[in-house]
Amino acid sequence: MRTTIELSDDLISILRSFAVKKGYRGYSKLIEEAVDFYLKENEKRELNRGNILKMKGSWNKKEAEKTKKRLEEIRRNWKI
């Protein structure tokens, strides 16, 4: 099915470059692969989020505080 999307000139240049490297005639296949990947990854994230929400309340207060402190420590030491 054909559709129209708007992309920046920079993205189109990058897509064309990747398409050539993969031996594709155009970049439609790359767009399809990217959308497919995004949807699958998003679905996994949603499933994981749902599983995490199901566990809400399964930690006692002490475990929750310990985990919260550890996460705060990790975030403070996070290097970009």
N, C-alpha and C. Protein backbone atom coordinates (compact mmCIF):
# COMPACT_ATOMS: atom_id res chain seq x y z
N MET A 1 0.84 -1.17 0.00
CA MET A 1 0.00 0.00 0.00
C MET A 1 0.89 1.24 0.00
N ARG A 2 0.52 2.21 -0.73
CA ARG A 2 1.29 3.44 -0.81
C ARG A 2 0.70 4.47 0.14
N THR A 3 1.58 5.27 0.70
CA THR A 3 1.16 6.37 1.56
C THR A 3 2.20 7.48 1.46
N THR A 4 1.85 8.63 1.94
CA THR A 4 2.77 9.76 1.90
C THR A 4 3.14 10.16 3.33
N ILE A 5 4.42 10.32 3.56
CA ILE A 5 4.89 10.82 4.85
C ILE A 5 5.88 11.95 4.58
N GLU A 6 5.98 12.86 5.52
CA GLU A 6 6.94 13.95 5.38
C GLU A 6 8.15 13.67 6.24
N LEU A 7 9.33 13.76 5.63
CA LEU A 7 10.59 13.55 6.33
C LEU A 7 11.52 14.70 5.99
N SER A 8 12.41 14.99 6.91
CA SER A 8 13.39 16.06 6.65
C SER A 8 14.35 15.61 5.55
N ASP A 9 14.96 16.58 4.91
CA ASP A 9 15.94 16.27 3.87
C ASP A 9 17.09 15.43 4.42
N ASP A 10 17.49 15.72 5.65
CA ASP A 10 18.58 14.95 6.26
C ASP A 10 18.20 13.48 6.42
N LEU A 11 16.98 13.23 6.90
CA LEU A 11 16.53 11.84 7.06
C LEU A 11 16.46 11.12 5.72
N ILE A 12 15.97 11.80 4.72
CA ILE A 12 15.88 11.19 3.39
C ILE A 12 17.27 10.83 2.88
N SER A 13 18.23 11.72 3.09
CA SER A 13 19.61 11.43 2.66
C SER A 13 20.16 10.20 3.37
N ILE A 14 19.92 10.14 4.67
CA ILE A 14 20.39 8.98 5.44
C ILE A 14 19.70 7.71 4.97
N LEU A 15 18.40 7.79 4.76
CA LEU A 15 17.65 6.61 4.29
C LEU A 15 18.18 6.14 2.94
N ARG A 16 18.42 7.06 2.04
CA ARG A 16 18.95 6.67 0.72
C ARG A 16 20.30 5.98 0.86
N SER A 17 21.13 6.51 1.73
CA SER A 17 22.45 5.93 1.96
C SER A 17 22.33 4.50 2.49
N PHE A 18 21.46 4.30 3.49
CA PHE A 18 21.25 2.95 4.03
C PHE A 18 20.67 2.02 2.98
N ALA A 19 19.75 2.53 2.19
CA ALA A 19 19.12 1.70 1.15
C ALA A 19 20.17 1.20 0.16
N VAL A 20 21.07 2.08 -0.24
CA VAL A 20 22.13 1.68 -1.17
C VAL A 20 23.01 0.61 -0.53
N LYS A 21 23.37 0.81 0.73
CA LYS A 21 24.21 -0.17 1.42
C LYS A 21 23.55 -1.54 1.50
N LYS A 22 22.22 -1.55 1.64
CA LYS A 22 21.49 -2.81 1.74
C LYS A 22 21.10 -3.36 0.38
N GLY A 23 21.37 -2.61 -0.67
CA GLY A 23 21.04 -3.06 -2.01
C GLY A 23 19.58 -2.86 -2.38
N TYR A 24 18.89 -1.99 -1.66
CA TYR A 24 17.50 -1.69 -1.97
C TYR A 24 17.43 -0.63 -3.06
N ARG A 25 16.38 -0.69 -3.83
CA ARG A 25 16.20 0.28 -4.91
C ARG A 25 15.74 1.64 -4.37
N GLY A 26 14.95 1.63 -3.34
CA GLY A 26 14.48 2.85 -2.69
C GLY A 26 14.52 2.65 -1.19
N TYR A 27 13.91 3.54 -0.46
CA TYR A 27 13.97 3.42 0.99
C TYR A 27 12.65 3.00 1.62
N SER A 28 11.67 2.63 0.82
CA SER A 28 10.38 2.18 1.36
C SER A 28 10.54 0.97 2.27
N LYS A 29 11.38 0.03 1.86
CA LYS A 29 11.60 -1.18 2.66
C LYS A 29 12.20 -0.82 4.02
N LEU A 30 13.11 0.15 4.03
CA LEU A 30 13.70 0.60 5.30
C LEU A 30 12.65 1.21 6.21
N ILE A 31 11.77 2.01 5.64
CA ILE A 31 10.69 2.62 6.43
C ILE A 31 9.81 1.51 7.01
N GLU A 32 9.48 0.53 6.19
CA GLU A 32 8.65 -0.58 6.66
C GLU A 32 9.34 -1.34 7.79
N GLU A 33 10.63 -1.62 7.63
CA GLU A 33 11.39 -2.32 8.67
C GLU A 33 11.42 -1.50 9.96
N ALA A 34 11.63 -0.19 9.83
CA ALA A 34 11.70 0.68 11.01
C ALA A 34 10.37 0.73 11.75
N VAL A 35 9.29 0.86 11.01
CA VAL A 35 7.96 0.92 11.64
C VAL A 35 7.65 -0.42 12.30
N ASP A 36 7.95 -1.50 11.62
CA ASP A 36 7.72 -2.83 12.19
C ASP A 36 8.51 -3.01 13.48
N PHE A 37 9.78 -2.63 13.46
CA PHE A 37 10.62 -2.72 14.65
C PHE A 37 10.05 -1.88 15.79
N TYR A 38 9.68 -0.65 15.47
CA TYR A 38 9.13 0.26 16.48
C TYR A 38 7.88 -0.34 17.12
N LEU A 39 6.98 -0.85 16.30
CA LEU A 39 5.73 -1.40 16.83
C LEU A 39 5.99 -2.62 17.71
N LYS A 40 6.89 -3.49 17.29
CA LYS A 40 7.20 -4.67 18.09
C LYS A 40 7.85 -4.29 19.41
N GLU A 41 8.80 -3.35 19.37
CA GLU A 41 9.48 -2.93 20.59
C GLU A 41 8.50 -2.22 21.53
N ASN A 42 7.63 -1.41 20.97
CA ASN A 42 6.65 -0.70 21.78
C ASN A 42 5.69 -1.69 22.45
N GLU A 43 5.32 -2.74 21.71
CA GLU A 43 4.45 -3.77 22.27
C GLU A 43 5.15 -4.47 23.44
N LYS A 44 6.44 -4.78 23.28
CA LYS A 44 7.20 -5.41 24.36
C LYS A 44 7.23 -4.51 25.58
N ARG A 45 7.47 -3.21 25.35
CA ARG A 45 7.53 -2.25 26.45
C ARG A 45 6.20 -2.19 27.19
N GLU A 46 5.12 -2.19 26.42
CA GLU A 46 3.80 -2.13 27.05
C GLU A 46 3.54 -3.38 27.87
N LEU A 47 3.95 -4.54 27.34
CA LEU A 47 3.78 -5.79 28.09
C LEU A 47 4.61 -5.74 29.36
N ASN A 48 5.85 -5.27 29.25
CA ASN A 48 6.71 -5.17 30.44
C ASN A 48 6.11 -4.21 31.45
N ARG A 49 5.61 -3.08 30.96
CA ARG A 49 5.00 -2.09 31.85
C ARG A 49 3.80 -2.71 32.57
N GLY A 50 3.01 -3.46 31.83
CA GLY A 50 1.85 -4.12 32.44
C GLY A 50 2.26 -5.12 33.50
N ASN A 51 3.32 -5.88 33.21
CA ASN A 51 3.81 -6.85 34.19
C ASN A 51 4.33 -6.15 35.44
N ILE A 52 5.00 -5.03 35.25
CA ILE A 52 5.51 -4.28 36.40
C ILE A 52 4.35 -3.74 37.22
N LEU A 53 3.34 -3.21 36.55
CA LEU A 53 2.20 -2.67 37.29
C LEU A 53 1.46 -3.75 38.06
N LYS A 54 1.45 -4.97 37.53
CA LYS A 54 0.81 -6.08 38.24
C LYS A 54 1.52 -6.38 39.55
N MET A 55 2.82 -6.07 39.60
CA MET A 55 3.60 -6.35 40.81
C MET A 55 3.48 -5.25 41.85
N LYS A 56 2.75 -4.20 41.52
CA LYS A 56 2.61 -3.08 42.46
C LYS A 56 2.13 -3.60 43.81
N GLY A 57 2.84 -3.19 44.83
CA GLY A 57 2.47 -3.61 46.18
C GLY A 57 3.09 -4.92 46.61
N SER A 58 3.88 -5.55 45.73
CA SER A 58 4.46 -6.84 46.10
C SER A 58 5.72 -6.70 46.94
N TRP A 59 6.33 -5.50 46.96
CA TRP A 59 7.47 -5.24 47.83
C TRP A 59 6.97 -4.68 49.14
N ASN A 60 7.65 -5.04 50.21
CA ASN A 60 7.29 -4.39 51.46
C ASN A 60 7.96 -3.02 51.49
N LYS A 61 7.61 -2.22 52.47
CA LYS A 61 8.09 -0.84 52.52
C LYS A 61 9.61 -0.77 52.57
N LYS A 62 10.24 -1.66 53.33
CA LYS A 62 11.69 -1.66 53.46
C LYS A 62 12.36 -1.96 52.12
N GLU A 63 11.86 -2.96 51.39
CA GLU A 63 12.41 -3.31 50.08
C GLU A 63 12.24 -2.15 49.09
N ALA A 64 11.08 -1.52 49.14
CA ALA A 64 10.80 -0.41 48.23
C ALA A 64 11.74 0.76 48.50
N GLU A 65 11.95 1.09 49.76
CA GLU A 65 12.86 2.19 50.12
C GLU A 65 14.29 1.88 49.71
N LYS A 66 14.72 0.64 49.94
CA LYS A 66 16.07 0.23 49.57
C LYS A 66 16.27 0.35 48.06
N THR A 67 15.30 -0.10 47.30
CA THR A 67 15.38 -0.02 45.84
C THR A 67 15.36 1.43 45.37
N LYS A 68 14.51 2.23 45.98
CA LYS A 68 14.42 3.64 45.61
C LYS A 68 15.76 4.34 45.86
N LYS A 69 16.37 4.09 47.00
CA LYS A 69 17.66 4.70 47.31
C LYS A 69 18.73 4.25 46.32
N ARG A 70 18.72 2.98 45.98
CA ARG A 70 19.70 2.45 45.03
C ARG A 70 19.53 3.10 43.65
N LEU A 71 18.29 3.24 43.21
CA LEU A 71 18.02 3.88 41.92
C LEU A 71 18.46 5.34 41.94
N GLU A 72 18.21 6.03 43.03
CA GLU A 72 18.64 7.43 43.14
C GLU A 72 20.16 7.52 43.07
N GLU A 73 20.85 6.58 43.70
CA GLU A 73 22.31 6.56 43.67
C GLU A 73 22.81 6.32 42.24
N ILE A 74 22.18 5.39 41.55
CA ILE A 74 22.56 5.09 40.16
C ILE A 74 22.36 6.33 39.30
N ARG A 75 21.24 7.01 39.48
CA ARG A 75 20.96 8.21 38.68
C ARG A 75 21.96 9.33 38.96
N ARG A 76 22.37 9.48 40.22
CA ARG A 76 23.35 10.51 40.57
C ARG A 76 24.69 10.24 39.90
N ASN A 77 25.04 8.97 39.77
CA ASN A 77 26.33 8.59 39.21
C ASN A 77 26.29 8.33 37.71
N TRP A 78 25.14 8.53 37.11
CA TRP A 78 24.96 8.28 35.68
C TRP A 78 25.82 9.23 34.87
N LYS A 79 26.60 8.69 33.98
CA LYS A 79 27.46 9.52 33.14
C LYS A 79 27.00 9.42 31.70
N ILE A 80 26.86 10.56 31.10
CA ILE A 80 26.40 10.60 29.70
C ILE A 80 27.57 10.85 28.80
